[in-house]
């Protein structure tokens, strides 16, 4: 926290610092001086009527009464990363979009509207990179209309926790009643260490998701639309570990190679065959193929509550880069 030359804590932030990353200390809910303090780090997204709103790295917003502040300061926009390849949020956002391409897209200024008949939120949400070319309320009205014409609820995909992410937009969506339905994290890491984790023996690679692969895929009844999305991307590979006779594969995975990046998804294992190293074998085989195509860095997306997957990926050298969220328009049902 900010400490003056006299050793006293000081509040060195003002309303002019809205939009900057800050660290603040406040009295706990008892409001008793000298008792417990609570520290909060995040982007200062508003400061109105004596209340600060700080959006943390995980996308959660914290309301803090100005009267409870005991210290505060502006800190660097993004801390130095200790693990993973150097990259920006914007680069990763574009790479992820190319790896999971919508059937239909349209520009709204610098925003991208994406639709794929409702197959996954990623392929049916607005990606707000930059300026939509309209005031926010008008832009959101345009987003609602575009998805409404297609019989879909409107979603906006945002990100928090890295330089260039959209904490301010998240706060504005919250104020307008948009519902944050899903939050996850995008993790990155080196590719070569993944390839070295296991021998590829027993893992078959293919350019197409065949019936056996789809039988293990968690989304049942995959439509033609879904198949088009699954096969989209610069260089797509599907991995399969055969199952027992007459049964679906023991494990599957998908990888999209795009320049220096390899993106992993749909890594799934038969529940009866877990803890046998099959997920590692699938990723290692896909990683080796991506290395052969010239990639050097890897990314994947993981739910915040999937403890098993997070432990697996951390052990492979992956680390979180940023969190991402899907906001649904107020008053609409789930997709």
C-alpha atoms as a PDB file:
ATOM      1  CA  UNK A   1       0.000   0.000   0.000  1.00  0.00           C
ATOM      2  CA  UNK A   2       1.024   3.632  -0.342  1.00  0.00           C
ATOM      3  CA  UNK A   3       2.926   4.840   2.710  1.00  0.00           C
ATOM      4  CA  UNK A   4       4.030   8.443   3.140  1.00  0.00           C
ATOM      5  CA  UNK A   5       7.422   9.613   4.367  1.00  0.00           C
ATOM      6  CA  UNK A   6       5.920   9.883   7.841  1.00  0.00           C
ATOM      7  CA  UNK A   7       4.950   6.220   7.806  1.00  0.00           C
ATOM      8  CA  UNK A   8       1.215   6.898   7.427  1.00  0.00           C
ATOM      9  CA  UNK A   9      -1.033   5.107   4.949  1.00  0.00           C
ATOM     10  CA  UNK A  10      -2.371   7.447   2.269  1.00  0.00           C
ATOM     11  CA  UNK A  11      -5.077   7.366  -0.380  1.00  0.00           C
ATOM     12  CA  UNK A  12      -3.350   8.464  -3.568  1.00  0.00           C
ATOM     13  CA  UNK A  13      -6.121   7.806  -6.061  1.00  0.00           C
ATOM     14  CA  UNK A  14      -8.883  10.133  -7.254  1.00  0.00           C
ATOM     15  CA  UNK A  15     -11.832  10.028  -9.629  1.00  0.00           C
ATOM     16  CA  UNK A  16      -9.371  10.949 -12.394  1.00  0.00           C
ATOM     17  CA  UNK A  17      -7.907   7.437 -12.072  1.00  0.00           C
ATOM     18  CA  UNK A  18     -11.042   5.648 -13.333  1.00  0.00           C
ATOM     19  CA  UNK A  19      -9.908   3.120 -15.917  1.00  0.00           C
ATOM     20  CA  UNK A  20      -6.543   2.509 -14.238  1.00  0.00           C
ATOM     21  CA  UNK A  21      -5.391  -0.511 -12.273  1.00  0.00           C
ATOM     22  CA  UNK A  22      -5.317   0.238  -8.554  1.00  0.00           C
ATOM     23  CA  UNK A  23      -4.630  -1.357  -5.215  1.00  0.00           C
ATOM     24  CA  UNK A  24      -6.705  -0.189  -2.255  1.00  0.00           C
ATOM     25  CA  UNK A  25      -6.999  -1.028   1.425  1.00  0.00           C
ATOM     26  CA  UNK A  26     -10.227  -0.450   3.285  1.00  0.00           C
ATOM     27  CA  UNK A  27     -11.669  -1.131   6.695  1.00  0.00           C
ATOM     28  CA  UNK A  28     -13.605  -4.379   6.900  1.00  0.00           C
ATOM     29  CA  UNK A  29     -17.383  -4.398   7.222  1.00  0.00           C
ATOM     30  CA  UNK A  30     -17.266  -3.600  10.928  1.00  0.00           C
ATOM     31  CA  UNK A  31     -15.815  -0.198  10.088  1.00  0.00           C
ATOM     32  CA  UNK A  32     -13.769  -0.191  13.285  1.00  0.00           C
ATOM     33  CA  UNK A  33     -10.407   1.554  12.890  1.00  0.00           C
ATOM     34  CA  UNK A  34      -7.447  -0.518  13.952  1.00  0.00           C
ATOM     35  CA  UNK A  35      -9.306  -3.754  13.276  1.00  0.00           C
ATOM     36  CA  UNK A  36      -9.207  -5.881  10.129  1.00  0.00           C
ATOM     37  CA  UNK A  37      -8.429  -4.458   6.720  1.00  0.00           C
ATOM     38  CA  UNK A  38      -9.320  -5.790   3.269  1.00  0.00           C
ATOM     39  CA  UNK A  39      -7.119  -5.290   0.201  1.00  0.00           C
ATOM     40  CA  UNK A  40      -8.513  -5.176  -3.344  1.00  0.00           C
ATOM     41  CA  UNK A  41      -6.591  -5.076  -6.619  1.00  0.00           C
ATOM     42  CA  UNK A  42      -8.251  -4.439  -9.959  1.00  0.00           C
ATOM     43  CA  UNK A  43      -9.372  -1.804 -12.425  1.00  0.00           C
ATOM     44  CA  UNK A  44     -11.180   1.210 -10.999  1.00  0.00           C
ATOM     45  CA  UNK A  45     -14.268   1.150 -13.198  1.00  0.00           C
ATOM     46  CA  UNK A  46     -16.235   3.952 -11.534  1.00  0.00           C
ATOM     47  CA  UNK A  47     -16.244   6.353  -8.593  1.00  0.00           C
ATOM     48  CA  UNK A  48     -19.637   7.955  -8.101  1.00  0.00           C
ATOM     49  CA  UNK A  49     -21.617   9.230  -5.104  1.00  0.00           C
ATOM     50  CA  UNK A  50     -18.936   8.187  -2.639  1.00  0.00           C
ATOM     51  CA  UNK A  51     -18.696   4.600  -3.918  1.00  0.00           C
ATOM     52  CA  UNK A  52     -15.809   3.025  -5.833  1.00  0.00           C
ATOM     53  CA  UNK A  53     -16.346   0.072  -8.145  1.00  0.00           C
ATOM     54  CA  UNK A  54     -13.272  -2.080  -8.709  1.00  0.00           C
ATOM     55  CA  UNK A  55     -13.326  -4.967 -11.179  1.00  0.00           C
ATOM     56  CA  UNK A  56     -10.899  -7.710 -10.207  1.00  0.00           C
ATOM     57  CA  UNK A  57      -8.936 -10.023 -12.470  1.00  0.00           C
ATOM     58  CA  UNK A  58     -11.619 -12.712 -12.269  1.00  0.00           C
ATOM     59  CA  UNK A  59     -14.280 -10.279 -13.471  1.00  0.00           C
ATOM     60  CA  UNK A  60     -15.991  -9.858 -10.117  1.00  0.00           C
ATOM     61  CA  UNK A  61     -16.821  -6.259  -9.200  1.00  0.00           C
ATOM     62  CA  UNK A  62     -16.311  -4.970  -5.665  1.00  0.00           C
ATOM     63  CA  UNK A  63     -18.171  -1.926  -4.314  1.00  0.00           C
ATOM     64  CA  UNK A  64     -16.193   0.080  -1.786  1.00  0.00           C
ATOM     65  CA  UNK A  65     -17.400   3.048   0.220  1.00  0.00           C
ATOM     66  CA  UNK A  66     -15.041   5.987  -0.145  1.00  0.00           C
ATOM     67  CA  UNK A  67     -15.331   6.575   3.615  1.00  0.00           C
ATOM     68  CA  UNK A  68     -13.811   3.134   4.327  1.00  0.00           C
ATOM     69  CA  UNK A  69     -10.578   3.743   2.360  1.00  0.00           C
ATOM     70  CA  UNK A  70      -7.359   3.893   4.337  1.00  0.00           C
ATOM     71  CA  UNK A  71      -4.867   3.583   1.458  1.00  0.00           C
ATOM     72  CA  UNK A  72      -4.777   3.392  -2.293  1.00  0.00           C
ATOM     73  CA  UNK A  73      -2.468   3.801  -5.263  1.00  0.00           C
ATOM     74  CA  UNK A  74      -2.274   3.299  -9.001  1.00  0.00           C
ATOM     75  CA  UNK A  75      -0.213   0.272 -10.013  1.00  0.00           C
ATOM     76  CA  UNK A  76       1.108  -0.887 -13.420  1.00  0.00           C
ATOM     77  CA  UNK A  77      -1.576  -1.801 -15.947  1.00  0.00           C
ATOM     78  CA  UNK A  78      -0.477  -5.421 -16.020  1.00  0.00           C
ATOM     79  CA  UNK A  79       2.077  -7.246 -13.866  1.00  0.00           C
ATOM     80  CA  UNK A  80       5.076  -8.860 -15.502  1.00  0.00           C
ATOM     81  CA  UNK A  81       4.279 -12.426 -16.525  1.00  0.00           C
ATOM     82  CA  UNK A  82       6.547 -15.058 -15.078  1.00  0.00           C
ATOM     83  CA  UNK A  83       5.319 -18.028 -17.120  1.00  0.00           C
ATOM     84  CA  UNK A  84       4.332 -18.620 -20.705  1.00  0.00           C
ATOM     85  CA  UNK A  85       5.165 -16.978 -24.031  1.00  0.00           C
ATOM     86  CA  UNK A  86       4.949 -13.217 -24.393  1.00  0.00           C
ATOM     87  CA  UNK A  87       1.635 -12.187 -25.917  1.00  0.00           C
ATOM     88  CA  UNK A  88      -1.214  -9.713 -25.656  1.00  0.00           C
ATOM     89  CA  UNK A  89      -4.896 -10.142 -25.018  1.00  0.00           C
ATOM     90  CA  UNK A  90      -5.704  -8.842 -28.490  1.00  0.00           C
ATOM     91  CA  UNK A  91      -3.419 -11.377 -30.179  1.00  0.00           C
ATOM     92  CA  UNK A  92      -4.961 -14.240 -28.223  1.00  0.00           C
ATOM     93  CA  UNK A  93      -8.507 -13.043 -28.895  1.00  0.00           C
ATOM     94  CA  UNK A  94      -7.882 -13.137 -32.651  1.00  0.00           C
ATOM     95  CA  UNK A  95      -6.147 -16.529 -32.465  1.00  0.00           C
ATOM     96  CA  UNK A  96      -9.037 -18.001 -30.467  1.00  0.00           C
ATOM     97  CA  UNK A  97     -11.592 -16.671 -32.945  1.00  0.00           C
ATOM     98  CA  UNK A  98      -9.739 -18.208 -35.888  1.00  0.00           C
ATOM     99  CA  UNK A  99      -9.661 -21.541 -34.057  1.00  0.00           C
ATOM    100  CA  UNK A 100     -13.436 -21.577 -33.510  1.00  0.00           C
ATOM    101  CA  UNK A 101     -14.845 -19.782 -36.515  1.00  0.00           C
ATOM    102  CA  UNK A 102     -18.508 -18.810 -36.696  1.00  0.00           C
ATOM    103  CA  UNK A 103     -20.614 -19.661 -39.713  1.00  0.00           C
ATOM    104  CA  UNK A 104     -21.631 -16.035 -40.023  1.00  0.00           C
ATOM    105  CA  UNK A 105     -19.976 -12.815 -38.921  1.00  0.00           C
ATOM    106  CA  UNK A 106     -20.443  -9.101 -39.414  1.00  0.00           C
ATOM    107  CA  UNK A 107     -18.557  -6.012 -38.310  1.00  0.00           C
ATOM    108  CA  UNK A 108     -20.026  -3.378 -36.017  1.00  0.00           C
ATOM    109  CA  UNK A 109     -17.227  -0.846 -36.131  1.00  0.00           C
ATOM    110  CA  UNK A 110     -14.295  -2.779 -34.622  1.00  0.00           C
ATOM    111  CA  UNK A 111     -16.614  -5.245 -32.889  1.00  0.00           C
ATOM    112  CA  UNK A 112     -17.281  -8.617 -34.506  1.00  0.00           C
ATOM    113  CA  UNK A 113     -20.756 -10.155 -34.386  1.00  0.00           C
ATOM    114  CA  UNK A 114     -20.601 -13.963 -34.649  1.00  0.00           C
ATOM    115  CA  UNK A 115     -23.396 -16.498 -35.138  1.00  0.00           C
ATOM    116  CA  UNK A 116     -23.514 -20.269 -35.635  1.00  0.00           C
ATOM    117  CA  UNK A 117     -27.137 -21.285 -35.023  1.00  0.00           C
ATOM    118  CA  UNK A 118     -26.549 -21.365 -31.270  1.00  0.00           C
ATOM    119  CA  UNK A 119     -23.662 -23.887 -31.199  1.00  0.00           C
ATOM    120  CA  UNK A 120     -21.526 -22.630 -28.287  1.00  0.00           C
ATOM    121  CA  UNK A 121     -21.407 -19.128 -26.882  1.00  0.00           C
ATOM    122  CA  UNK A 122     -17.975 -18.537 -28.384  1.00  0.00           C
ATOM    123  CA  UNK A 123     -19.389 -18.841 -31.905  1.00  0.00           C
ATOM    124  CA  UNK A 124     -22.574 -16.913 -31.042  1.00  0.00           C
ATOM    125  CA  UNK A 125     -21.386 -13.783 -29.273  1.00  0.00           C
ATOM    126  CA  UNK A 126     -20.120 -10.325 -30.033  1.00  0.00           C
ATOM    127  CA  UNK A 127     -16.363  -9.868 -29.648  1.00  0.00           C
ATOM    128  CA  UNK A 128     -15.862  -6.215 -28.621  1.00  0.00           C
ATOM    129  CA  UNK A 129     -12.287  -5.468 -29.644  1.00  0.00           C
ATOM    130  CA  UNK A 130     -11.987  -1.715 -30.050  1.00  0.00           C
ATOM    131  CA  UNK A 131     -14.638   0.878 -30.895  1.00  0.00           C
ATOM    132  CA  UNK A 132     -18.075  -0.178 -32.193  1.00  0.00           C
ATOM    133  CA  UNK A 133     -18.412   3.186 -33.925  1.00  0.00           C
ATOM    134  CA  UNK A 134     -21.526   4.009 -31.900  1.00  0.00           C
ATOM    135  CA  UNK A 135     -22.301   5.114 -28.343  1.00  0.00           C
ATOM    136  CA  UNK A 136     -22.468   2.019 -26.146  1.00  0.00           C
ATOM    137  CA  UNK A 137     -26.250   1.956 -25.728  1.00  0.00           C
ATOM    138  CA  UNK A 138     -26.735   2.218 -29.491  1.00  0.00           C
ATOM    139  CA  UNK A 139     -24.120  -0.479 -30.074  1.00  0.00           C
ATOM    140  CA  UNK A 140     -25.860  -2.841 -27.642  1.00  0.00           C
ATOM    141  CA  UNK A 141     -29.184  -2.144 -29.329  1.00  0.00           C
ATOM    142  CA  UNK A 142     -27.585  -3.076 -32.660  1.00  0.00           C
ATOM    143  CA  UNK A 143     -26.168  -6.254 -31.109  1.00  0.00           C
ATOM    144  CA  UNK A 144     -29.600  -7.255 -29.757  1.00  0.00           C
ATOM    145  CA  UNK A 145     -31.200  -6.624 -33.112  1.00  0.00           C
ATOM    146  CA  UNK A 146     -28.598  -8.616 -35.061  1.00  0.00           C
ATOM    147  CA  UNK A 147     -28.961 -11.690 -32.861  1.00  0.00           C
ATOM    148  CA  UNK A 148     -32.722 -11.266 -32.615  1.00  0.00           C
ATOM    149  CA  UNK A 149     -32.986 -11.473 -36.403  1.00  0.00           C
ATOM    150  CA  UNK A 150     -31.356 -14.899 -36.122  1.00  0.00           C
ATOM    151  CA  UNK A 151     -33.548 -16.117 -33.287  1.00  0.00           C
ATOM    152  CA  UNK A 152     -30.649 -16.036 -30.825  1.00  0.00           C
ATOM    153  CA  UNK A 153     -30.123 -14.313 -27.479  1.00  0.00           C
ATOM    154  CA  UNK A 154     -27.490 -11.600 -27.602  1.00  0.00           C
ATOM    155  CA  UNK A 155     -24.175 -12.372 -25.917  1.00  0.00           C
ATOM    156  CA  UNK A 156     -21.093 -10.204 -25.510  1.00  0.00           C
ATOM    157  CA  UNK A 157     -17.777 -11.926 -24.799  1.00  0.00           C
ATOM    158  CA  UNK A 158     -15.449  -9.855 -22.630  1.00  0.00           C
ATOM    159  CA  UNK A 159     -12.141 -10.384 -20.856  1.00  0.00           C
ATOM    160  CA  UNK A 160     -10.487  -9.222 -17.643  1.00  0.00           C
ATOM    161  CA  UNK A 161      -7.136  -9.522 -15.932  1.00  0.00           C
ATOM    162  CA  UNK A 162      -4.583  -8.548 -18.589  1.00  0.00           C
ATOM    163  CA  UNK A 163      -3.398  -5.410 -20.325  1.00  0.00           C
ATOM    164  CA  UNK A 164      -5.985  -4.275 -22.838  1.00  0.00           C
ATOM    165  CA  UNK A 165      -8.888  -6.256 -21.390  1.00  0.00           C
ATOM    166  CA  UNK A 166     -12.384  -4.904 -20.888  1.00  0.00           C
ATOM    167  CA  UNK A 167     -13.058  -4.251 -17.219  1.00  0.00           C
ATOM    168  CA  UNK A 168     -14.740  -0.945 -18.025  1.00  0.00           C
ATOM    169  CA  UNK A 169     -17.088  -2.598 -20.511  1.00  0.00           C
ATOM    170  CA  UNK A 170     -17.889  -5.342 -17.984  1.00  0.00           C
ATOM    171  CA  UNK A 171     -18.893  -2.705 -15.464  1.00  0.00           C
ATOM    172  CA  UNK A 172     -21.093  -0.959 -18.034  1.00  0.00           C
ATOM    173  CA  UNK A 173     -22.793  -4.238 -18.948  1.00  0.00           C
ATOM    174  CA  UNK A 174     -23.388  -4.943 -15.263  1.00  0.00           C
ATOM    175  CA  UNK A 175     -25.011  -1.533 -14.854  1.00  0.00           C
ATOM    176  CA  UNK A 176     -27.328  -2.226 -17.754  1.00  0.00           C
ATOM    177  CA  UNK A 177     -28.482  -5.543 -16.332  1.00  0.00           C
ATOM    178  CA  UNK A 178     -26.609  -7.881 -18.668  1.00  0.00           C
ATOM    179  CA  UNK A 179     -26.145 -11.267 -16.983  1.00  0.00           C
ATOM    180  CA  UNK A 180     -22.664 -12.750 -16.649  1.00  0.00           C
ATOM    181  CA  UNK A 181     -23.463 -16.396 -17.356  1.00  0.00           C
ATOM    182  CA  UNK A 182     -20.109 -18.036 -17.919  1.00  0.00           C
ATOM    183  CA  UNK A 183     -16.577 -17.238 -16.808  1.00  0.00           C
ATOM    184  CA  UNK A 184     -13.477 -19.224 -17.646  1.00  0.00           C
ATOM    185  CA  UNK A 185      -9.765 -18.623 -18.138  1.00  0.00           C
ATOM    186  CA  UNK A 186      -7.412 -18.746 -21.068  1.00  0.00           C
ATOM    187  CA  UNK A 187      -4.109 -20.408 -20.197  1.00  0.00           C
ATOM    188  CA  UNK A 188      -0.888 -20.324 -22.200  1.00  0.00           C
ATOM    189  CA  UNK A 189       2.366 -22.248 -22.129  1.00  0.00           C
ATOM    190  CA  UNK A 190       5.280 -23.556 -24.150  1.00  0.00           C
ATOM    191  CA  UNK A 191       4.492 -26.230 -26.725  1.00  0.00           C
ATOM    192  CA  UNK A 192       7.667 -28.346 -26.676  1.00  0.00           C
ATOM    193  CA  UNK A 193       7.316 -29.356 -22.996  1.00  0.00           C
ATOM    194  CA  UNK A 194       3.834 -30.729 -23.750  1.00  0.00           C
ATOM    195  CA  UNK A 195       5.133 -32.815 -26.638  1.00  0.00           C
ATOM    196  CA  UNK A 196       7.809 -34.292 -24.371  1.00  0.00           C
ATOM    197  CA  UNK A 197       5.329 -35.538 -21.761  1.00  0.00           C
ATOM    198  CA  UNK A 198       4.329 -38.826 -23.408  1.00  0.00           C
ATOM    199  CA  UNK A 199       4.959 -41.104 -26.359  1.00  0.00           C
ATOM    200  CA  UNK A 200       2.339 -40.710 -29.096  1.00  0.00           C
ATOM    201  CA  UNK A 201       1.921 -44.479 -29.455  1.00  0.00           C
ATOM    202  CA  UNK A 202      -1.730 -45.481 -29.531  1.00  0.00           C
ATOM    203  CA  UNK A 203      -2.971 -42.001 -30.490  1.00  0.00           C
ATOM    204  CA  UNK A 204      -4.412 -41.646 -33.996  1.00  0.00           C
ATOM    205  CA  UNK A 205      -4.485 -38.222 -35.664  1.00  0.00           C
ATOM    206  CA  UNK A 206      -6.905 -37.152 -38.350  1.00  0.00           C
ATOM    207  CA  UNK A 207      -8.021 -34.043 -40.188  1.00  0.00           C
ATOM    208  CA  UNK A 208     -11.684 -34.928 -39.627  1.00  0.00           C
ATOM    209  CA  UNK A 209     -13.838 -35.679 -36.610  1.00  0.00           C
ATOM    210  CA  UNK A 210     -15.242 -39.086 -37.522  1.00  0.00           C
ATOM    211  CA  UNK A 211     -18.204 -40.885 -35.941  1.00  0.00           C
ATOM    212  CA  UNK A 212     -16.001 -42.524 -33.313  1.00  0.00           C
ATOM    213  CA  UNK A 213     -14.514 -39.177 -32.239  1.00  0.00           C
ATOM    214  CA  UNK A 214     -17.952 -37.598 -32.053  1.00  0.00           C
ATOM    215  CA  UNK A 215     -19.213 -40.511 -29.941  1.00  0.00           C
ATOM    216  CA  UNK A 216     -16.844 -39.391 -27.156  1.00  0.00           C
ATOM    217  CA  UNK A 217     -17.427 -35.653 -27.664  1.00  0.00           C
ATOM    218  CA  UNK A 218     -19.446 -34.249 -24.761  1.00  0.00           C
ATOM    219  CA  UNK A 219     -21.950 -32.448 -27.008  1.00  0.00           C
ATOM    220  CA  UNK A 220     -24.408 -35.098 -28.152  1.00  0.00           C
ATOM    221  CA  UNK A 221     -26.308 -34.956 -31.413  1.00  0.00           C
ATOM    222  CA  UNK A 222     -23.735 -32.809 -33.182  1.00  0.00           C
ATOM    223  CA  UNK A 223     -25.368 -30.912 -36.056  1.00  0.00           C
ATOM    224  CA  UNK A 224     -23.970 -29.982 -39.450  1.00  0.00           C
ATOM    225  CA  UNK A 225     -23.428 -26.478 -38.070  1.00  0.00           C
ATOM    226  CA  UNK A 226     -21.399 -27.854 -35.182  1.00  0.00           C
ATOM    227  CA  UNK A 227     -19.294 -29.955 -37.553  1.00  0.00           C
ATOM    228  CA  UNK A 228     -18.476 -26.896 -39.623  1.00  0.00           C
ATOM    229  CA  UNK A 229     -17.353 -25.020 -36.511  1.00  0.00           C
ATOM    230  CA  UNK A 230     -15.327 -27.994 -35.255  1.00  0.00           C
ATOM    231  CA  UNK A 231     -13.506 -28.278 -38.573  1.00  0.00           C
ATOM    232  CA  UNK A 232     -12.838 -24.550 -38.881  1.00  0.00           C
ATOM    233  CA  UNK A 233      -9.393 -23.099 -38.354  1.00  0.00           C
ATOM    234  CA  UNK A 234      -6.087 -22.673 -40.185  1.00  0.00           C
ATOM    235  CA  UNK A 235      -4.846 -26.237 -39.536  1.00  0.00           C
ATOM    236  CA  UNK A 236      -7.137 -28.528 -37.545  1.00  0.00           C
ATOM    237  CA  UNK A 237      -6.219 -31.905 -36.068  1.00  0.00           C
ATOM    238  CA  UNK A 238      -8.284 -34.452 -34.142  1.00  0.00           C
ATOM    239  CA  UNK A 239      -6.735 -37.063 -31.842  1.00  0.00           C
ATOM    240  CA  UNK A 240      -8.307 -40.378 -30.844  1.00  0.00           C
ATOM    241  CA  UNK A 241      -7.296 -43.124 -28.437  1.00  0.00           C
ATOM    242  CA  UNK A 242      -9.376 -46.200 -29.385  1.00  0.00           C
ATOM    243  CA  UNK A 243     -11.659 -47.672 -26.760  1.00  0.00           C
ATOM    244  CA  UNK A 244     -12.572 -51.260 -26.073  1.00  0.00           C
ATOM    245  CA  UNK A 245     -14.337 -53.211 -28.808  1.00  0.00           C
ATOM    246  CA  UNK A 246     -17.714 -51.711 -29.573  1.00  0.00           C
ATOM    247  CA  UNK A 247     -17.193 -48.721 -27.266  1.00  0.00           C
ATOM    248  CA  UNK A 248     -16.462 -45.043 -27.977  1.00  0.00           C
ATOM    249  CA  UNK A 249     -12.832 -43.908 -27.896  1.00  0.00           C
ATOM    250  CA  UNK A 250     -11.041 -43.895 -24.565  1.00  0.00           C
ATOM    251  CA  UNK A 251      -9.926 -40.308 -25.162  1.00  0.00           C
ATOM    252  CA  UNK A 252     -10.113 -37.561 -27.764  1.00  0.00           C
ATOM    253  CA  UNK A 253      -8.747 -34.078 -28.368  1.00  0.00           C
ATOM    254  CA  UNK A 254      -8.706 -31.239 -30.900  1.00  0.00           C
ATOM    255  CA  UNK A 255      -5.875 -28.878 -31.839  1.00  0.00           C
ATOM    256  CA  UNK A 256      -5.741 -25.902 -34.193  1.00  0.00           C
ATOM    257  CA  UNK A 257      -2.326 -24.764 -35.436  1.00  0.00           C
ATOM    258  CA  UNK A 258      -2.159 -21.084 -36.336  1.00  0.00           C
ATOM    259  CA  UNK A 259       1.313 -19.649 -36.911  1.00  0.00           C
ATOM    260  CA  UNK A 260       3.261 -19.874 -33.654  1.00  0.00           C
ATOM    261  CA  UNK A 261       0.150 -20.931 -31.707  1.00  0.00           C
ATOM    262  CA  UNK A 262      -1.442 -24.317 -31.085  1.00  0.00           C
ATOM    263  CA  UNK A 263      -4.857 -24.243 -29.421  1.00  0.00           C
ATOM    264  CA  UNK A 264      -6.134 -27.309 -27.560  1.00  0.00           C
ATOM    265  CA  UNK A 265      -9.805 -28.102 -26.997  1.00  0.00           C
ATOM    266  CA  UNK A 266     -12.253 -30.986 -26.510  1.00  0.00           C
ATOM    267  CA  UNK A 267      -9.747 -33.056 -24.518  1.00  0.00           C
ATOM    268  CA  UNK A 268     -12.077 -35.691 -23.082  1.00  0.00           C
ATOM    269  CA  UNK A 269     -11.478 -39.062 -21.465  1.00  0.00           C
ATOM    270  CA  UNK A 270     -13.799 -41.979 -20.738  1.00  0.00           C
ATOM    271  CA  UNK A 271     -14.628 -41.601 -17.006  1.00  0.00           C
ATOM    272  CA  UNK A 272     -13.695 -45.259 -16.493  1.00  0.00           C
ATOM    273  CA  UNK A 273     -10.228 -44.659 -17.978  1.00  0.00           C
ATOM    274  CA  UNK A 274      -9.240 -41.505 -16.149  1.00  0.00           C
ATOM    275  CA  UNK A 275      -5.921 -41.191 -14.303  1.00  0.00           C
ATOM    276  CA  UNK A 276      -4.233 -43.427 -16.856  1.00  0.00           C
ATOM    277  CA  UNK A 277      -2.360 -40.639 -18.645  1.00  0.00           C
ATOM    278  CA  UNK A 278      -4.665 -40.635 -21.674  1.00  0.00           C
ATOM    279  CA  UNK A 279      -5.310 -36.882 -21.683  1.00  0.00           C
ATOM    280  CA  UNK A 280      -1.560 -36.299 -21.500  1.00  0.00           C
ATOM    281  CA  UNK A 281      -0.960 -38.734 -24.378  1.00  0.00           C
ATOM    282  CA  UNK A 282      -3.563 -36.993 -26.541  1.00  0.00           C
ATOM    283  CA  UNK A 283      -2.110 -33.548 -25.906  1.00  0.00           C
ATOM    284  CA  UNK A 284       1.454 -34.763 -26.428  1.00  0.00           C
ATOM    285  CA  UNK A 285       0.581 -36.272 -29.816  1.00  0.00           C
ATOM    286  CA  UNK A 286      -1.215 -33.107 -30.920  1.00  0.00           C
ATOM    287  CA  UNK A 287       1.635 -30.951 -29.610  1.00  0.00           C
ATOM    288  CA  UNK A 288       4.197 -32.936 -31.607  1.00  0.00           C
ATOM    289  CA  UNK A 289       2.190 -32.456 -34.785  1.00  0.00           C
ATOM    290  CA  UNK A 290       1.882 -28.716 -34.065  1.00  0.00           C
ATOM    291  CA  UNK A 291       5.651 -28.493 -33.528  1.00  0.00           C
ATOM    292  CA  UNK A 292       6.148 -30.199 -36.887  1.00  0.00           C
ATOM    293  CA  UNK A 293       4.056 -27.416 -38.447  1.00  0.00           C
ATOM    294  CA  UNK A 294       6.201 -24.700 -36.858  1.00  0.00           C
ATOM    295  CA  UNK A 295       4.211 -23.762 -33.740  1.00  0.00           C
ATOM    296  CA  UNK A 296       6.010 -23.013 -30.485  1.00  0.00           C
ATOM    297  CA  UNK A 297       3.359 -21.734 -28.067  1.00  0.00           C
ATOM    298  CA  UNK A 298       0.129 -23.247 -26.778  1.00  0.00           C
ATOM    299  CA  UNK A 299      -3.184 -22.032 -25.423  1.00  0.00           C
ATOM    300  CA  UNK A 300      -6.322 -23.597 -24.037  1.00  0.00           C
ATOM    301  CA  UNK A 301      -9.473 -22.599 -22.186  1.00  0.00           C
ATOM    302  CA  UNK A 302     -10.494 -24.039 -18.843  1.00  0.00           C
ATOM    303  CA  UNK A 303     -13.488 -23.505 -16.577  1.00  0.00           C
ATOM    304  CA  UNK A 304     -12.684 -21.876 -13.264  1.00  0.00           C
ATOM    305  CA  UNK A 305     -14.352 -24.718 -11.316  1.00  0.00           C
ATOM    306  CA  UNK A 306     -12.685 -27.611 -13.172  1.00  0.00           C
ATOM    307  CA  UNK A 307     -10.092 -28.469 -10.551  1.00  0.00           C
ATOM    308  CA  UNK A 308      -8.901 -31.656 -12.260  1.00  0.00           C
ATOM    309  CA  UNK A 309      -8.234 -29.960 -15.589  1.00  0.00           C
ATOM    310  CA  UNK A 310      -6.531 -27.009 -13.931  1.00  0.00           C
ATOM    311  CA  UNK A 311      -4.194 -29.332 -12.043  1.00  0.00           C
ATOM    312  CA  UNK A 312      -3.403 -31.267 -15.224  1.00  0.00           C
ATOM    313  CA  UNK A 313      -2.609 -28.157 -17.263  1.00  0.00           C
ATOM    314  CA  UNK A 314      -0.604 -26.525 -14.489  1.00  0.00           C
ATOM    315  CA  UNK A 315       1.527 -29.666 -14.358  1.00  0.00           C
ATOM    316  CA  UNK A 316       2.174 -29.261 -18.081  1.00  0.00           C
ATOM    317  CA  UNK A 317       3.492 -25.742 -17.563  1.00  0.00           C
ATOM    318  CA  UNK A 318       0.396 -23.751 -18.492  1.00  0.00           C
ATOM    319  CA  UNK A 319      -0.616 -20.651 -16.538  1.00  0.00           C
ATOM    320  CA  UNK A 320      -3.582 -18.290 -16.699  1.00  0.00           C
ATOM    321  CA  UNK A 321      -3.252 -15.282 -19.000  1.00  0.00           C
ATOM    322  CA  UNK A 322      -6.700 -13.726 -18.573  1.00  0.00           C
ATOM    323  CA  UNK A 323     -10.286 -14.519 -17.676  1.00  0.00           C
ATOM    324  CA  UNK A 324     -13.106 -14.285 -20.167  1.00  0.00           C
ATOM    325  CA  UNK A 325     -16.851 -13.938 -19.668  1.00  0.00           C
ATOM    326  CA  UNK A 326     -20.095 -14.183 -21.617  1.00  0.00           C
ATOM    327  CA  UNK A 327     -22.730 -11.576 -20.829  1.00  0.00           C
ATOM    328  CA  UNK A 328     -26.310 -12.316 -21.914  1.00  0.00           C
ATOM    329  CA  UNK A 329     -28.768  -9.559 -22.725  1.00  0.00           C
ATOM    330  CA  UNK A 330     -31.235  -8.839 -19.909  1.00  0.00           C
ATOM    331  CA  UNK A 331     -34.624 -10.501 -20.126  1.00  0.00           C
ATOM    332  CA  UNK A 332     -33.668 -13.295 -22.532  1.00  0.00           C
ATOM    333  CA  UNK A 333     -33.556 -17.006 -21.861  1.00  0.00           C
ATOM    334  CA  UNK A 334     -30.408 -19.115 -22.000  1.00  0.00           C
ATOM    335  CA  UNK A 335     -29.149 -20.336 -25.330  1.00  0.00           C
END
